[in-house]
Protein backbone atom coordinates (compact mmCIF):
# COMPACT_ATOMS: atom_id res chain seq x y z
CA MET A 1 8.46 3.68 39.13
CA SER A 2 6.60 1.96 41.54
CA LYS A 3 7.64 -1.77 42.53
CA LYS A 4 7.40 -4.65 40.75
CA LYS A 5 4.95 -7.24 42.09
CA VAL A 6 5.74 -10.90 42.49
CA MET A 7 3.44 -13.44 44.26
CA VAL A 8 4.83 -16.15 45.87
CA GLY A 9 4.34 -19.32 45.48
CA MET A 10 4.35 -20.66 49.48
CA SER A 11 4.50 -24.36 50.76
CA GLY A 12 5.34 -23.43 54.23
CA GLY A 13 8.96 -24.89 54.13
CA VAL A 14 11.94 -22.81 54.42
CA ASP A 15 12.70 -22.85 50.84
CA SER A 16 9.69 -21.27 49.71
CA SER A 17 9.96 -18.75 52.67
CA VAL A 18 13.81 -17.25 51.85
CA ALA A 19 12.79 -16.59 47.93
CA ALA A 20 9.99 -14.57 49.90
CA ALA A 21 12.61 -12.81 52.08
CA ILE A 22 14.78 -12.45 49.24
CA LEU A 23 12.78 -10.96 47.22
CA LEU A 24 11.61 -8.22 49.46
CA GLU A 25 15.62 -7.37 50.47
CA GLN A 26 15.28 -6.29 46.47
CA GLY A 27 12.68 -4.80 47.02
CA TYR A 28 9.90 -6.10 45.02
CA GLU A 29 6.19 -5.70 46.47
CA VAL A 30 5.75 -9.02 47.88
CA ILE A 31 2.47 -10.94 47.68
CA GLY A 32 2.53 -14.26 49.48
CA ALA A 33 -0.28 -17.49 48.20
CA THR A 34 -0.51 -21.56 48.95
CA MET A 35 -2.06 -23.31 46.55
CA GLN A 36 -4.51 -25.67 48.52
CA ILE A 37 -4.55 -28.26 45.46
CA TRP A 38 -6.10 -31.40 48.61
CA PRO A 39 -9.35 -32.34 47.12
CA ASP A 40 -12.55 -32.64 49.70
CA ALA A 41 -10.69 -35.55 51.55
CA ASN A 42 -11.10 -36.65 55.80
CA GLU A 43 -9.77 -34.37 58.08
CA GLU A 44 -6.73 -37.01 58.89
CA THR A 45 -5.58 -36.90 55.68
CA LYS A 46 -5.46 -32.51 55.64
CA LEU A 47 -3.47 -32.14 58.71
CA ILE A 48 -0.75 -34.90 57.87
CA GLU A 49 2.35 -32.78 58.33
CA GLY A 50 4.17 -31.99 56.33
CA GLY A 51 3.01 -32.64 52.99
CA CYS A 52 2.62 -29.16 50.52
CA CYS A 53 -0.67 -30.08 50.64
CA SER A 54 -1.29 -30.31 54.64
CA LEU A 55 -3.31 -27.73 56.85
CA SER A 56 -0.02 -28.06 58.60
CA ALA A 57 2.05 -26.31 55.79
CA VAL A 58 -0.97 -23.42 55.30
CA ASP A 59 -0.96 -22.71 58.58
CA ASP A 60 3.52 -22.31 58.54
CA ALA A 61 3.15 -19.94 55.25
CA ARG A 62 0.73 -17.97 57.00
CA SER A 63 2.69 -17.58 60.27
CA VAL A 64 6.28 -16.84 57.52
CA ALA A 65 4.25 -13.88 55.91
CA ASN A 66 2.67 -12.43 58.80
CA MET A 67 6.43 -12.00 59.91
CA LEU A 68 7.85 -10.72 56.76
CA GLY A 69 4.83 -8.27 56.91
CA ILE A 70 3.40 -9.28 53.84
CA PRO A 71 0.27 -9.78 52.40
CA TYR A 72 -0.87 -14.08 51.68
CA TYR A 73 -4.04 -15.77 50.46
CA VAL A 74 -4.98 -19.38 50.08
CA LEU A 75 -5.93 -19.88 45.81
CA ASN A 76 -7.94 -22.91 45.41
CA PHE A 77 -6.99 -25.00 42.36
CA LYS A 78 -8.96 -28.37 43.89
CA ASP A 79 -10.34 -29.21 40.58
CA ILE A 80 -7.24 -28.33 38.50
CA PHE A 81 -5.17 -30.48 40.98
CA GLU A 82 -7.02 -33.07 40.76
CA LYS A 83 -8.12 -33.93 36.96
CA SER A 84 -4.34 -33.40 35.67
CA VAL A 85 -1.95 -34.23 38.54
CA ILE A 86 -4.08 -37.48 40.72
CA ASN A 87 -6.37 -38.09 38.00
CA TYR A 88 -3.60 -37.78 35.64
CA PHE A 89 -1.56 -40.75 38.20
CA LYS A 90 -4.30 -43.52 38.11
CA ASP A 91 -4.38 -43.16 34.31
CA GLU A 92 -0.64 -43.61 34.38
CA TYR A 93 -0.08 -46.57 36.41
CA LEU A 94 -3.04 -47.89 35.43
CA LYS A 95 -1.92 -47.80 31.29
CA GLY A 96 1.52 -49.64 33.53
CA ARG A 97 3.29 -46.50 32.91
CA THR A 98 5.27 -44.36 35.82
CA PRO A 99 4.26 -40.94 35.82
CA ASN A 100 5.47 -38.25 37.70
CA PRO A 101 3.15 -35.98 38.99
CA CYS A 102 5.82 -33.51 40.52
CA ILE A 103 6.51 -32.50 37.03
CA ALA A 104 2.65 -32.58 36.02
CA CYS A 105 1.86 -29.91 39.53
CA ASN A 106 5.12 -28.07 38.01
CA ARG A 107 3.50 -27.60 34.31
CA PHE A 108 -0.33 -27.62 34.65
CA VAL A 109 -0.88 -25.80 38.98
CA LYS A 110 2.37 -24.07 39.44
CA PHE A 111 3.50 -22.62 36.40
CA GLU A 112 -0.07 -22.16 34.37
CA SER A 113 -3.10 -22.31 36.83
CA MET A 114 -1.18 -19.80 39.64
CA LEU A 115 0.69 -17.99 37.02
CA ASN A 116 -1.94 -16.70 35.28
CA LYS A 117 -4.18 -16.63 38.70
CA ALA A 118 -0.76 -13.60 39.19
CA LEU A 119 -1.07 -11.91 35.86
CA SER A 120 -4.96 -11.26 35.70
CA MET A 121 -4.35 -9.80 39.19
CA GLY A 122 -1.85 -7.52 37.82
CA ILE A 123 0.91 -8.29 39.47
CA ASP A 124 3.95 -9.25 37.34
CA TYR A 125 6.28 -12.90 38.79
CA ILE A 126 5.13 -16.07 40.53
CA ALA A 127 8.04 -16.91 42.41
CA THR A 128 8.73 -20.80 43.88
CA GLY A 129 11.29 -21.84 45.93
CA HIS A 130 12.93 -24.27 43.16
CA TYR A 131 16.36 -24.47 43.17
CA ALA A 132 17.47 -23.28 40.25
CA ILE A 133 18.25 -20.10 38.04
CA ILE A 134 16.47 -18.39 35.65
CA THR A 135 19.07 -16.04 32.96
CA TYR A 136 18.61 -14.15 30.00
CA ASP A 137 20.67 -14.72 26.62
CA GLU A 138 20.80 -11.61 24.74
CA ASP A 139 22.97 -13.61 22.18
CA ARG A 140 20.09 -16.18 21.49
CA LYS A 141 16.87 -13.70 22.58
CA ARG A 142 16.04 -16.64 24.45
CA TYR A 143 15.14 -17.21 28.25
CA LEU A 144 17.59 -19.93 29.68
CA LEU A 145 16.97 -22.35 32.81
CA LYS A 146 20.33 -23.65 34.46
CA LYS A 147 21.35 -25.77 36.91
CA SER A 148 20.95 -23.85 40.45
CA VAL A 149 24.98 -23.94 42.30
CA THR A 150 23.88 -27.01 44.25
CA GLN A 151 24.46 -29.87 42.75
CA GLN A 152 22.50 -32.75 45.70
CA LYS A 153 19.24 -29.52 45.68
CA ASP A 154 19.14 -28.83 41.08
CA GLN A 155 15.39 -29.01 40.33
CA THR A 156 15.86 -28.42 37.05
CA TYR A 157 14.59 -32.30 35.99
CA ALA A 158 11.06 -31.07 36.80
CA LEU A 159 10.81 -27.72 35.86
CA TYR A 160 11.52 -28.47 32.08
CA THR A 161 8.24 -27.87 30.63
CA VAL A 162 8.46 -24.80 31.13
CA THR A 163 7.72 -22.24 28.47
CA GLN A 164 9.62 -19.05 26.94
CA GLU A 165 5.99 -16.99 27.93
CA GLN A 166 6.93 -18.23 31.51
CA LEU A 167 9.75 -17.87 31.44
CA ARG A 168 9.32 -14.13 31.38
CA HIS A 169 7.05 -13.75 34.49
CA ILE A 170 8.98 -16.55 37.28
CA LEU A 171 11.53 -15.54 39.49
CA MET A 172 13.94 -18.75 41.40
CA PRO A 173 15.10 -16.48 43.72
CA ILE A 174 17.44 -19.46 45.91
CA GLY A 175 19.05 -20.69 42.60
CA ASN A 176 22.70 -19.59 43.84
CA PHE A 177 22.09 -20.86 47.49
CA SER A 178 22.80 -23.97 48.75
CA LYS A 179 20.60 -25.46 50.94
CA ASP A 180 22.65 -24.56 53.91
CA GLU A 181 23.07 -21.39 53.50
CA VAL A 182 19.50 -21.37 52.90
CA ARG A 183 18.45 -22.73 56.68
CA ALA A 184 21.37 -20.19 57.74
CA LYS A 185 19.43 -17.63 56.12
CA ALA A 186 16.00 -18.48 57.88
CA LYS A 187 17.58 -18.43 61.52
CA GLU A 188 19.23 -15.09 60.59
CA LEU A 189 15.97 -13.89 59.75
CA GLY A 190 14.13 -15.47 63.13
CA LEU A 191 11.82 -17.52 60.67
CA TYR A 192 10.99 -20.71 62.48
CA VAL A 193 10.54 -22.76 59.75
CA ALA A 194 14.92 -22.64 59.49
CA SER A 195 15.17 -26.25 60.86
CA LYS A 196 11.48 -27.50 59.31
CA PRO A 197 12.92 -31.22 57.62
CA ASP A 198 12.15 -30.93 53.85
CA SER A 199 9.43 -33.20 52.73
CA GLN A 200 9.76 -35.98 50.88
CA GLU A 201 7.21 -38.30 49.26
CA ILE A 202 4.32 -37.76 46.66
CA CYS A 203 1.76 -34.90 48.83
CA PHE A 204 -1.40 -37.10 48.26
CA VAL A 205 -0.27 -40.74 48.58
CA ASN A 206 0.13 -40.98 52.94
CA ASP A 207 1.75 -44.13 52.62
CA ASN A 208 3.86 -43.69 49.56
CA ASP A 209 1.52 -46.95 48.70
CA TYR A 210 0.80 -45.82 45.20
CA GLY A 211 -1.23 -49.01 44.84
CA LYS A 212 -3.19 -49.01 47.23
CA PHE A 213 -3.95 -45.35 46.31
CA ILE A 214 -4.87 -46.49 43.26
CA GLU A 215 -7.07 -48.89 44.00
CA GLU A 216 -8.94 -46.85 46.27
CA ASN A 217 -9.53 -44.19 44.22
CA THR A 218 -10.21 -45.91 41.13
CA ASP A 219 -13.63 -47.85 39.86
CA LYS A 220 -11.87 -49.93 37.25
CA GLU A 221 -11.28 -53.35 38.45
CA ILE A 222 -7.02 -54.10 39.55
CA LYS A 223 -6.93 -57.91 38.05
CA PRO A 224 -4.13 -60.87 39.03
CA GLY A 225 -1.70 -61.62 36.26
CA TYR A 226 0.86 -63.19 35.57
CA PHE A 227 4.82 -62.96 36.04
CA VAL A 228 6.60 -64.22 32.59
CA ASP A 229 10.17 -64.64 31.32
CA THR A 230 11.10 -62.25 28.76
CA LYS A 231 10.62 -65.24 26.52
CA GLY A 232 6.84 -65.73 27.46
CA ASN A 233 7.60 -68.43 30.21
CA ILE A 234 4.92 -68.34 33.42
CA LEU A 235 6.85 -67.86 36.36
CA GLY A 236 3.97 -66.89 38.83
CA LYS A 237 1.31 -64.73 39.91
CA HIS A 238 0.92 -60.71 40.05
CA LYS A 239 -1.40 -58.93 42.02
CA GLY A 240 -1.65 -56.16 39.30
CA ILE A 241 0.42 -54.10 37.72
CA ILE A 242 -0.13 -51.59 39.04
CA HIS A 243 1.78 -52.36 41.84
CA TYR A 244 4.81 -52.37 39.42
CA THR A 245 7.22 -50.32 37.66
CA VAL A 246 10.61 -51.32 36.00
CA GLY A 247 13.55 -51.91 37.19
CA GLN A 248 11.92 -53.32 40.61
CA ARG A 249 13.49 -56.23 42.10
CA LYS A 250 12.54 -55.72 45.90
CA GLY A 251 8.93 -56.31 47.09
CA LEU A 252 7.94 -58.48 43.81
CA GLY A 253 6.17 -61.17 46.25
CA ILE A 254 7.46 -64.13 43.73
CA ALA A 255 10.99 -66.41 44.85
CA LEU A 256 13.18 -67.08 42.22
CA GLY A 257 16.52 -68.41 43.78
CA LYS A 258 18.48 -65.37 41.64
CA PRO A 259 17.93 -61.66 41.35
CA MET A 260 14.73 -61.10 39.05
CA TYR A 261 13.81 -57.32 37.83
CA VAL A 262 11.20 -56.05 35.81
CA VAL A 263 12.17 -55.61 32.20
CA ARG A 264 8.51 -54.53 30.65
CA LEU A 265 4.64 -54.20 31.73
CA ASP A 266 2.75 -55.95 29.18
CA VAL A 267 -0.53 -54.54 29.36
CA GLU A 268 -2.36 -56.08 26.92
CA ASN A 269 -1.66 -59.43 27.67
CA ASN A 270 -1.76 -58.55 32.08
CA ASN A 271 1.85 -59.28 32.70
CA VAL A 272 4.56 -57.92 34.32
CA VAL A 273 8.06 -60.10 32.47
CA LEU A 274 10.99 -60.55 34.55
CA GLY A 275 14.63 -60.89 32.98
CA GLU A 276 17.97 -60.87 35.26
CA GLU A 277 19.80 -57.42 35.44
CA ASP A 278 21.55 -57.18 32.30
CA GLU A 279 18.09 -57.14 30.90
CA VAL A 280 17.13 -54.26 32.67
CA TYR A 281 19.41 -52.11 30.14
CA SER A 282 19.28 -50.68 26.61
CA LYS A 283 20.37 -48.04 24.84
CA GLU A 284 17.75 -46.09 23.05
CA LEU A 285 14.22 -44.55 23.61
CA THR A 286 11.32 -42.47 22.03
CA ALA A 287 9.75 -40.00 23.90
CA ASN A 288 7.01 -37.05 22.81
CA ASP A 289 5.15 -34.20 24.46
CA LEU A 290 8.25 -32.26 23.91
CA ASN A 291 9.25 -28.77 25.39
CA PHE A 292 12.32 -27.01 24.43
CA ILE A 293 13.84 -24.11 25.80
CA SER A 294 17.18 -23.16 24.72
CA ILE A 295 16.55 -24.13 21.78
CA ASP A 296 13.69 -24.18 18.85
CA LYS A 297 12.38 -27.40 18.13
CA PRO A 298 15.63 -30.43 16.58
CA ASP A 299 15.72 -30.42 13.01
CA GLN A 300 18.52 -32.93 13.06
CA PRO A 301 21.17 -35.03 15.24
CA ILE A 302 21.86 -32.69 18.45
CA ARG A 303 24.61 -33.91 21.65
CA VAL A 304 24.02 -33.42 24.61
CA LYS A 305 23.54 -35.00 28.42
CA ALA A 306 20.49 -37.27 29.59
CA LYS A 307 18.28 -38.16 32.53
CA ILE A 308 15.84 -40.65 32.92
CA ARG A 309 14.73 -40.25 36.41
CA TYR A 310 15.23 -37.25 38.38
CA SER A 311 17.55 -39.48 40.85
CA ALA A 312 19.56 -40.04 37.91
CA LYS A 313 23.19 -39.22 36.34
CA GLU A 314 23.38 -37.02 33.10
CA ALA A 315 24.70 -39.56 30.30
CA ASP A 316 25.55 -39.55 27.05
CA ALA A 317 23.64 -38.94 23.80
CA VAL A 318 22.51 -37.99 20.72
CA ILE A 319 18.62 -36.65 19.90
CA TYR A 320 17.47 -37.97 16.99
CA PRO A 321 13.76 -35.36 15.61
CA ILE A 322 11.45 -38.11 14.24
CA GLU A 323 8.24 -38.22 12.65
CA ASP A 324 4.85 -36.72 14.91
CA ASN A 325 6.42 -34.69 16.91
CA LYS A 326 8.73 -37.60 18.57
CA VAL A 327 12.68 -37.97 19.49
CA LYS A 328 14.76 -41.05 19.50
CA VAL A 329 17.42 -40.70 22.22
CA VAL A 330 20.24 -43.00 21.58
CA PHE A 331 22.77 -43.42 24.55
CA ASP A 332 26.09 -43.89 24.08
CA THR A 333 26.08 -46.68 27.14
CA PRO A 334 23.22 -48.89 28.41
CA GLN A 335 20.68 -47.03 31.00
CA ARG A 336 19.08 -49.17 33.26
CA ALA A 337 15.62 -48.86 33.69
CA ILE A 338 13.69 -46.94 31.07
CA THR A 339 10.66 -46.24 31.98
CA PRO A 340 7.71 -45.74 30.87
CA GLY A 341 5.84 -42.56 31.81
CA GLN A 342 8.77 -40.55 33.27
CA SER A 343 10.14 -38.42 31.88
CA VAL A 344 13.69 -37.78 30.04
CA VAL A 345 15.03 -34.53 30.49
CA PHE A 346 18.06 -33.15 28.05
CA TYR A 347 21.31 -30.29 28.64
CA ASP A 348 23.97 -28.42 27.49
CA GLY A 349 26.15 -28.37 30.32
CA ASP A 350 24.80 -26.45 32.74
CA ILE A 351 21.58 -25.19 30.82
CA VAL A 352 18.52 -27.43 30.20
CA VAL A 353 17.98 -28.11 26.55
CA GLY A 354 14.60 -29.30 26.64
CA GLY A 355 12.51 -33.00 27.76
CA GLY A 356 10.23 -35.10 27.18
CA THR A 357 8.17 -37.83 28.45
CA ILE A 358 9.17 -41.29 27.81
CA LEU A 359 6.63 -43.62 25.53
């Protein structure tokens, strides 16, 4: 039997580099590939160190591929990245929502465009350096997405959009390793990216200033408006709703003699609604754009643990199916800063049940 072929998405970082090495050891025929996703930006932007979009990432990935003795390609996904990630990011902020571009990138670029490209090349699988585990459950006759063995690095929150058909063709070889073990493995293999730091910020926003990025990359006018309290009283002026997100306290640019937080963005009236900390908590949310992995779409209430942002703790909740392919999620205890545009992801123990976008 010929060896199964796998295309590894290589970002130039230690995780994807070790993923490629592990698959080689497991007997796969490995092909390395980096997604070229940066738009036609200035040279300075392209050369920024460390981001998965930078030219240095391509150099690092190519060097690792050479060390491992595997073929290496750069795949041009600039157009799909601009449309499905950057434009979505801008549009969501302009609508007063807070997007998650990494989830959009996983959904439309990695696990759709890259997978389709690999399959069209006669390659059996794609693999990534994500900290997550994929298994097949014979009883359910379904692929399952499970948390990685290391809770601190688990990345399943950003992966809940994968479908059963995609999971059939995806490998995630480092889900059973801790970050320290991955770095140790890279060192053992002599990979010079062993101690390369993880990239942190959104790759296409250089200085982490989302508002500035949107202002510079939209033809829409960003209008100042008013800060108001929850009763509608005017408190002061804001510089445009794209600069604020639910739960924010710092950087509001207004002094009110006590800590105040963004409770809601009122796009219709161009107001930023502020309140005290207890007003940032709520027990319910509605979500759409749903994807379920471990089960079919539920037709009756189910109890889960739910997570409302990447850094949030899971909380006990019940999912209620409602009309228009939406769900209502009711938490046992109030959650802080439930934010429209972010994702809510559902868990049953270490299994990802599914998730959706918070409305």
